[in-house]
Amino acid sequence: AFTVAAIICSFAMLLIMVWAAFAYENQQKVSAQWFGNPESDMGLSLVKAAGGFTINAWAYVPAFLTVELSTCMEDPRQFQKSLLLSGALNASIFLVVGTAVVGRWGYAVGEVIGITQGVAVWQPGTVANTAFSMFSL
């Protein structure tokens, strides 16, 4: 039951993020480039580029916590399939949501989409923000 609830919440958050990207404009949009980012300071540019990789890696950390649960699995040999599936889903969701959001709102998207400045959808009290927060809990 918890697994189904987690899947429903994850996909609901994905749909809210993609919908918000196409329904709202970012008033502070700085267009993204295909390679690199438009920062004028090279040091800051490298830090922000590295941040993109670390955010994805930290998002995957909870999947590694399931290693502890593999001893409780009916067939622990299936754990490798579970780990590969979760890794593929994590990467594909980051690519789908990231491409849609950065394409619409520019490269200066918050580390967590809900803290992106200049987008009305993430103001406290809006239906989308409240629903996103509810599903993330």
N, C-alpha and C. Protein backbone atom coordinates (compact mmCIF):
# COMPACT_ATOMS: atom_id res chain seq x y z
N ALA A 1 0.81 -1.20 0.00
CA ALA A 1 0.00 0.00 0.00
C ALA A 1 0.86 1.27 0.00
N PHE A 2 1.96 1.24 0.78
CA PHE A 2 2.84 2.40 0.83
C PHE A 2 3.56 2.61 -0.51
N THR A 3 3.89 1.52 -1.15
CA THR A 3 4.56 1.63 -2.45
C THR A 3 3.64 2.28 -3.47
N VAL A 4 2.41 1.88 -3.50
CA VAL A 4 1.43 2.46 -4.43
C VAL A 4 1.23 3.94 -4.12
N ALA A 5 1.11 4.28 -2.84
CA ALA A 5 0.95 5.68 -2.45
C ALA A 5 2.16 6.51 -2.86
N ALA A 6 3.36 5.97 -2.70
CA ALA A 6 4.58 6.68 -3.08
C ALA A 6 4.64 6.91 -4.58
N ILE A 7 4.25 5.91 -5.36
CA ILE A 7 4.26 6.04 -6.82
C ILE A 7 3.24 7.08 -7.26
N ILE A 8 2.06 7.05 -6.68
CA ILE A 8 1.02 8.03 -7.03
C ILE A 8 1.49 9.44 -6.69
N CYS A 9 2.07 9.63 -5.52
CA CYS A 9 2.56 10.95 -5.12
C CYS A 9 3.68 11.43 -6.03
N SER A 10 4.61 10.55 -6.39
CA SER A 10 5.72 10.93 -7.27
C SER A 10 5.22 11.38 -8.63
N PHE A 11 4.31 10.62 -9.21
CA PHE A 11 3.80 10.99 -10.53
C PHE A 11 2.90 12.23 -10.47
N ALA A 12 2.20 12.41 -9.36
CA ALA A 12 1.39 13.63 -9.20
C ALA A 12 2.31 14.86 -9.16
N MET A 13 3.42 14.77 -8.44
CA MET A 13 4.37 15.88 -8.39
C MET A 13 4.97 16.14 -9.77
N LEU A 14 5.29 15.07 -10.50
CA LEU A 14 5.83 15.22 -11.85
C LEU A 14 4.83 15.96 -12.74
N LEU A 15 3.57 15.56 -12.69
CA LEU A 15 2.55 16.20 -13.52
C LEU A 15 2.34 17.67 -13.13
N ILE A 16 2.37 17.97 -11.85
CA ILE A 16 2.22 19.36 -11.41
C ILE A 16 3.37 20.21 -11.92
N MET A 17 4.60 19.69 -11.85
CA MET A 17 5.76 20.46 -12.30
C MET A 17 5.71 20.73 -13.80
N VAL A 18 5.39 19.72 -14.58
CA VAL A 18 5.33 19.89 -16.04
C VAL A 18 4.17 20.81 -16.42
N TRP A 19 3.01 20.62 -15.78
CA TRP A 19 1.87 21.50 -16.03
C TRP A 19 2.21 22.95 -15.70
N ALA A 20 2.83 23.16 -14.54
CA ALA A 20 3.19 24.53 -14.13
C ALA A 20 4.16 25.17 -15.11
N ALA A 21 5.08 24.38 -15.64
CA ALA A 21 6.06 24.92 -16.59
C ALA A 21 5.38 25.47 -17.84
N PHE A 22 4.31 24.83 -18.27
CA PHE A 22 3.62 25.28 -19.47
C PHE A 22 2.48 26.26 -19.19
N ALA A 23 1.98 26.29 -17.95
CA ALA A 23 0.86 27.17 -17.61
C ALA A 23 1.30 28.54 -17.10
N TYR A 24 2.52 28.64 -16.60
CA TYR A 24 3.00 29.89 -16.01
C TYR A 24 4.29 30.34 -16.68
N GLU A 25 4.51 31.63 -16.68
CA GLU A 25 5.75 32.21 -17.22
C GLU A 25 6.67 32.57 -16.06
N ASN A 26 7.96 32.54 -16.30
CA ASN A 26 8.95 33.00 -15.33
C ASN A 26 9.31 34.43 -15.68
N GLN A 27 8.95 35.36 -14.81
CA GLN A 27 9.20 36.78 -15.08
C GLN A 27 10.69 37.11 -15.06
N GLN A 28 11.50 36.26 -14.44
CA GLN A 28 12.95 36.50 -14.34
C GLN A 28 13.73 35.52 -15.22
N LYS A 29 13.14 35.09 -16.32
CA LYS A 29 13.74 34.06 -17.17
C LYS A 29 15.05 34.54 -17.79
N VAL A 30 16.05 33.68 -17.69
CA VAL A 30 17.32 33.84 -18.39
C VAL A 30 17.44 32.59 -19.25
N SER A 31 17.36 32.76 -20.56
CA SER A 31 17.33 31.61 -21.46
C SER A 31 18.53 30.69 -21.27
N ALA A 32 18.25 29.41 -21.30
CA ALA A 32 19.30 28.41 -21.17
C ALA A 32 20.05 28.26 -22.49
N GLN A 33 21.27 27.80 -22.39
CA GLN A 33 22.08 27.51 -23.58
C GLN A 33 22.18 25.99 -23.72
N TRP A 34 22.48 25.52 -24.92
CA TRP A 34 22.63 24.08 -25.11
C TRP A 34 23.81 23.53 -24.33
N PHE A 35 24.90 24.29 -24.25
CA PHE A 35 26.09 23.86 -23.52
C PHE A 35 26.53 24.98 -22.59
N GLY A 36 26.80 24.64 -21.34
CA GLY A 36 27.20 25.66 -20.38
C GLY A 36 25.99 26.42 -19.88
N ASN A 37 26.26 27.50 -19.18
CA ASN A 37 25.18 28.36 -18.73
C ASN A 37 25.62 29.81 -18.89
N PRO A 38 24.69 30.74 -18.88
CA PRO A 38 25.02 32.13 -19.20
C PRO A 38 25.65 32.95 -18.07
N GLU A 39 26.26 32.32 -17.07
CA GLU A 39 26.95 33.07 -16.02
C GLU A 39 28.20 33.73 -16.59
N SER A 40 28.44 34.97 -16.19
CA SER A 40 29.64 35.67 -16.68
C SER A 40 30.88 35.26 -15.90
N ASP A 41 30.73 34.84 -14.65
CA ASP A 41 31.86 34.41 -13.82
C ASP A 41 32.09 32.91 -14.03
N MET A 42 33.28 32.55 -14.50
CA MET A 42 33.58 31.14 -14.81
C MET A 42 33.51 30.25 -13.57
N GLY A 43 33.97 30.74 -12.43
CA GLY A 43 33.92 29.95 -11.20
C GLY A 43 32.49 29.63 -10.79
N LEU A 44 31.63 30.63 -10.82
CA LEU A 44 30.22 30.43 -10.48
C LEU A 44 29.56 29.51 -11.50
N SER A 45 29.95 29.65 -12.75
CA SER A 45 29.41 28.80 -13.80
C SER A 45 29.74 27.32 -13.53
N LEU A 46 30.96 27.04 -13.13
CA LEU A 46 31.36 25.66 -12.83
C LEU A 46 30.63 25.13 -11.60
N VAL A 47 30.47 25.98 -10.59
CA VAL A 47 29.76 25.55 -9.38
C VAL A 47 28.32 25.19 -9.72
N LYS A 48 27.66 26.02 -10.53
CA LYS A 48 26.27 25.74 -10.89
C LYS A 48 26.16 24.50 -11.77
N ALA A 49 27.14 24.28 -12.65
CA ALA A 49 27.12 23.07 -13.48
C ALA A 49 27.29 21.83 -12.61
N ALA A 50 28.20 21.89 -11.64
CA ALA A 50 28.41 20.76 -10.73
C ALA A 50 27.15 20.53 -9.89
N GLY A 51 26.47 21.62 -9.54
CA GLY A 51 25.24 21.49 -8.76
C GLY A 51 24.19 20.67 -9.48
N GLY A 52 24.14 20.79 -10.79
CA GLY A 52 23.18 20.00 -11.57
C GLY A 52 23.42 18.51 -11.43
N PHE A 53 24.68 18.11 -11.35
CA PHE A 53 24.99 16.69 -11.18
C PHE A 53 24.73 16.23 -9.74
N THR A 54 25.11 17.07 -8.78
CA THR A 54 24.94 16.64 -7.39
C THR A 54 23.48 16.56 -6.99
N ILE A 55 22.63 17.42 -7.54
CA ILE A 55 21.21 17.37 -7.21
C ILE A 55 20.63 16.03 -7.64
N ASN A 56 20.99 15.58 -8.82
CA ASN A 56 20.50 14.28 -9.29
C ASN A 56 21.04 13.16 -8.42
N ALA A 57 22.30 13.25 -8.04
CA ALA A 57 22.88 12.19 -7.20
C ALA A 57 22.22 12.15 -5.83
N TRP A 58 21.99 13.31 -5.21
CA TRP A 58 21.35 13.33 -3.90
C TRP A 58 19.90 12.85 -3.98
N ALA A 59 19.24 13.10 -5.09
CA ALA A 59 17.87 12.63 -5.25
C ALA A 59 17.82 11.11 -5.28
N TYR A 60 18.92 10.48 -5.64
CA TYR A 60 18.95 9.03 -5.75
C TYR A 60 19.35 8.34 -4.45
N VAL A 61 19.83 9.10 -3.47
CA VAL A 61 20.28 8.51 -2.21
C VAL A 61 19.23 7.63 -1.54
N PRO A 62 17.94 8.04 -1.49
CA PRO A 62 16.96 7.15 -0.84
C PRO A 62 16.87 5.76 -1.46
N ALA A 63 17.17 5.65 -2.74
CA ALA A 63 17.13 4.33 -3.38
C ALA A 63 18.18 3.41 -2.77
N PHE A 64 19.32 3.98 -2.36
CA PHE A 64 20.35 3.15 -1.76
C PHE A 64 19.97 2.69 -0.35
N LEU A 65 19.09 3.42 0.30
CA LEU A 65 18.64 3.01 1.62
C LEU A 65 17.84 1.72 1.55
N THR A 66 17.30 1.42 0.39
CA THR A 66 16.54 0.18 0.25
C THR A 66 17.44 -1.06 0.28
N VAL A 67 18.75 -0.84 0.19
CA VAL A 67 19.67 -1.97 0.30
C VAL A 67 19.44 -2.67 1.63
N GLU A 68 19.21 -1.88 2.67
CA GLU A 68 18.96 -2.46 3.99
C GLU A 68 17.71 -3.33 3.97
N LEU A 69 16.75 -2.97 3.13
CA LEU A 69 15.50 -3.72 3.08
C LEU A 69 15.60 -5.00 2.26
N SER A 70 16.68 -5.14 1.49
CA SER A 70 16.78 -6.31 0.61
C SER A 70 16.82 -7.61 1.40
N THR A 71 17.28 -7.55 2.66
CA THR A 71 17.29 -8.77 3.46
C THR A 71 15.88 -9.21 3.83
N CYS A 72 14.93 -8.27 3.76
CA CYS A 72 13.53 -8.60 4.07
C CYS A 72 12.75 -9.04 2.83
N MET A 73 13.40 -8.96 1.67
CA MET A 73 12.69 -9.31 0.44
C MET A 73 12.48 -10.82 0.36
N GLU A 74 11.41 -11.20 -0.29
CA GLU A 74 11.12 -12.63 -0.47
C GLU A 74 12.24 -13.29 -1.27
N ASP A 75 12.72 -12.58 -2.30
CA ASP A 75 13.81 -13.09 -3.12
C ASP A 75 14.85 -11.97 -3.29
N PRO A 76 15.83 -11.87 -2.37
CA PRO A 76 16.80 -10.78 -2.41
C PRO A 76 17.60 -10.69 -3.71
N ARG A 77 17.64 -11.76 -4.49
CA ARG A 77 18.37 -11.71 -5.76
C ARG A 77 17.69 -10.78 -6.76
N GLN A 78 16.42 -10.45 -6.52
CA GLN A 78 15.70 -9.53 -7.39
C GLN A 78 16.09 -8.07 -7.13
N PHE A 79 16.89 -7.83 -6.10
CA PHE A 79 17.23 -6.46 -5.73
C PHE A 79 17.94 -5.73 -6.86
N GLN A 80 18.80 -6.41 -7.61
CA GLN A 80 19.52 -5.76 -8.70
C GLN A 80 18.54 -5.19 -9.73
N LYS A 81 17.50 -5.93 -10.05
CA LYS A 81 16.49 -5.44 -10.99
C LYS A 81 15.80 -4.20 -10.43
N SER A 82 15.49 -4.23 -9.14
CA SER A 82 14.84 -3.09 -8.49
C SER A 82 15.75 -1.86 -8.53
N LEU A 83 17.02 -2.04 -8.27
CA LEU A 83 17.96 -0.93 -8.28
C LEU A 83 18.12 -0.35 -9.69
N LEU A 84 18.20 -1.20 -10.70
CA LEU A 84 18.31 -0.73 -12.08
C LEU A 84 17.04 0.02 -12.52
N LEU A 85 15.89 -0.50 -12.15
CA LEU A 85 14.63 0.16 -12.49
C LEU A 85 14.53 1.52 -11.82
N SER A 86 14.87 1.60 -10.54
CA SER A 86 14.78 2.88 -9.84
C SER A 86 15.77 3.89 -10.42
N GLY A 87 16.96 3.44 -10.80
CA GLY A 87 17.94 4.35 -11.42
C GLY A 87 17.46 4.87 -12.76
N ALA A 88 16.88 4.00 -13.56
CA ALA A 88 16.37 4.42 -14.87
C ALA A 88 15.20 5.39 -14.71
N LEU A 89 14.31 5.12 -13.77
CA LEU A 89 13.18 6.03 -13.52
C LEU A 89 13.67 7.39 -13.01
N ASN A 90 14.64 7.38 -12.11
CA ASN A 90 15.17 8.63 -11.57
C ASN A 90 15.78 9.49 -12.67
N ALA A 91 16.61 8.88 -13.49
CA ALA A 91 17.25 9.63 -14.58
C ALA A 91 16.23 10.12 -15.60
N SER A 92 15.26 9.29 -15.96
CA SER A 92 14.28 9.71 -16.96
C SER A 92 13.38 10.83 -16.44
N ILE A 93 13.01 10.78 -15.18
CA ILE A 93 12.18 11.85 -14.62
C ILE A 93 12.96 13.15 -14.57
N PHE A 94 14.23 13.10 -14.19
CA PHE A 94 15.04 14.31 -14.19
C PHE A 94 15.15 14.88 -15.61
N LEU A 95 15.31 14.03 -16.59
CA LEU A 95 15.42 14.52 -17.97
C LEU A 95 14.10 15.11 -18.47
N VAL A 96 12.99 14.43 -18.22
CA VAL A 96 11.69 14.92 -18.70
C VAL A 96 11.31 16.23 -18.02
N VAL A 97 11.31 16.22 -16.70
CA VAL A 97 10.91 17.42 -15.96
C VAL A 97 11.94 18.53 -16.16
N GLY A 98 13.21 18.19 -16.08
CA GLY A 98 14.26 19.21 -16.25
C GLY A 98 14.23 19.88 -17.60
N THR A 99 14.07 19.11 -18.66
CA THR A 99 14.02 19.68 -20.01
C THR A 99 12.81 20.58 -20.17
N ALA A 100 11.65 20.13 -19.71
CA ALA A 100 10.43 20.93 -19.83
C ALA A 100 10.54 22.23 -19.04
N VAL A 101 10.99 22.14 -17.80
CA VAL A 101 11.03 23.32 -16.94
C VAL A 101 12.11 24.30 -17.38
N VAL A 102 13.31 23.82 -17.65
CA VAL A 102 14.38 24.73 -18.08
C VAL A 102 14.07 25.32 -19.45
N GLY A 103 13.45 24.56 -20.32
CA GLY A 103 13.06 25.09 -21.62
C GLY A 103 12.07 26.24 -21.51
N ARG A 104 11.16 26.16 -20.56
CA ARG A 104 10.14 27.21 -20.39
C ARG A 104 10.58 28.33 -19.47
N TRP A 105 11.30 28.02 -18.38
CA TRP A 105 11.61 29.03 -17.36
C TRP A 105 13.05 29.50 -17.35
N GLY A 106 13.88 28.96 -18.23
CA GLY A 106 15.28 29.39 -18.26
C GLY A 106 16.15 28.55 -17.34
N TYR A 107 17.43 28.88 -17.35
CA TYR A 107 18.37 28.02 -16.63
C TYR A 107 18.39 28.27 -15.12
N ALA A 108 17.91 29.41 -14.65
CA ALA A 108 17.99 29.77 -13.24
C ALA A 108 16.83 29.19 -12.43
N VAL A 109 16.55 27.92 -12.62
CA VAL A 109 15.50 27.23 -11.87
C VAL A 109 16.09 26.86 -10.51
N GLY A 110 15.27 26.94 -9.45
CA GLY A 110 15.76 26.60 -8.12
C GLY A 110 16.17 25.14 -8.01
N GLU A 111 17.04 24.87 -7.04
CA GLU A 111 17.49 23.48 -6.83
C GLU A 111 16.28 22.57 -6.61
N VAL A 112 15.29 23.10 -5.92
CA VAL A 112 13.99 22.44 -5.79
C VAL A 112 13.04 23.35 -6.54
N ILE A 113 12.27 22.79 -7.45
CA ILE A 113 11.46 23.61 -8.35
C ILE A 113 10.55 24.59 -7.61
N GLY A 114 10.09 24.23 -6.44
CA GLY A 114 9.20 25.08 -5.68
C GLY A 114 9.82 26.37 -5.16
N ILE A 115 11.14 26.50 -5.22
CA ILE A 115 11.78 27.74 -4.77
C ILE A 115 12.22 28.62 -5.94
N THR A 116 11.77 28.29 -7.14
CA THR A 116 12.11 29.09 -8.31
C THR A 116 11.50 30.47 -8.17
N GLN A 117 12.34 31.49 -8.26
CA GLN A 117 11.89 32.88 -8.10
C GLN A 117 11.20 33.36 -9.38
N GLY A 118 10.22 34.24 -9.22
CA GLY A 118 9.58 34.88 -10.36
C GLY A 118 8.47 34.09 -11.02
N VAL A 119 8.04 32.98 -10.42
CA VAL A 119 6.97 32.17 -10.99
C VAL A 119 5.81 32.16 -10.00
N ALA A 120 4.68 32.69 -10.43
CA ALA A 120 3.53 32.86 -9.55
C ALA A 120 2.96 31.55 -9.01
N VAL A 121 3.15 30.46 -9.74
CA VAL A 121 2.56 29.19 -9.32
C VAL A 121 3.11 28.73 -7.97
N TRP A 122 4.33 29.12 -7.62
CA TRP A 122 4.94 28.65 -6.38
C TRP A 122 4.74 29.60 -5.22
N GLN A 123 3.87 30.59 -5.35
CA GLN A 123 3.56 31.47 -4.23
C GLN A 123 2.73 30.70 -3.20
N PRO A 124 2.99 30.93 -1.92
CA PRO A 124 2.21 30.23 -0.88
C PRO A 124 0.71 30.46 -1.05
N GLY A 125 -0.05 29.39 -0.91
CA GLY A 125 -1.50 29.48 -0.98
C GLY A 125 -2.10 29.14 -2.32
N THR A 126 -1.29 29.07 -3.39
CA THR A 126 -1.87 28.70 -4.68
C THR A 126 -2.22 27.20 -4.64
N VAL A 127 -3.18 26.83 -5.45
CA VAL A 127 -3.64 25.43 -5.47
C VAL A 127 -2.49 24.49 -5.86
N ALA A 128 -1.74 24.86 -6.90
CA ALA A 128 -0.66 24.00 -7.37
C ALA A 128 0.43 23.85 -6.31
N ASN A 129 0.79 24.93 -5.64
CA ASN A 129 1.82 24.88 -4.61
C ASN A 129 1.36 24.03 -3.42
N THR A 130 0.12 24.19 -3.04
CA THR A 130 -0.42 23.41 -1.92
C THR A 130 -0.48 21.93 -2.29
N ALA A 131 -0.94 21.61 -3.50
CA ALA A 131 -1.00 20.22 -3.95
C ALA A 131 0.40 19.62 -4.04
N PHE A 132 1.35 20.38 -4.59
CA PHE A 132 2.73 19.89 -4.71
C PHE A 132 3.30 19.59 -3.32
N SER A 133 3.08 20.50 -2.39
CA SER A 133 3.57 20.29 -1.02
C SER A 133 2.92 19.08 -0.38
N MET A 134 1.64 18.90 -0.61
CA MET A 134 0.91 17.77 -0.04
C MET A 134 1.48 16.45 -0.57
N PHE A 135 1.69 16.37 -1.89
CA PHE A 135 2.22 15.13 -2.47
C PHE A 135 3.67 14.88 -2.09
N SER A 136 4.43 15.94 -1.81
CA SER A 136 5.83 15.74 -1.44
C SER A 136 5.99 15.25 -0.01
N LEU A 137 4.96 15.44 0.79
CA LEU A 137 5.03 14.93 2.17
C LEU A 137 4.82 13.43 2.18
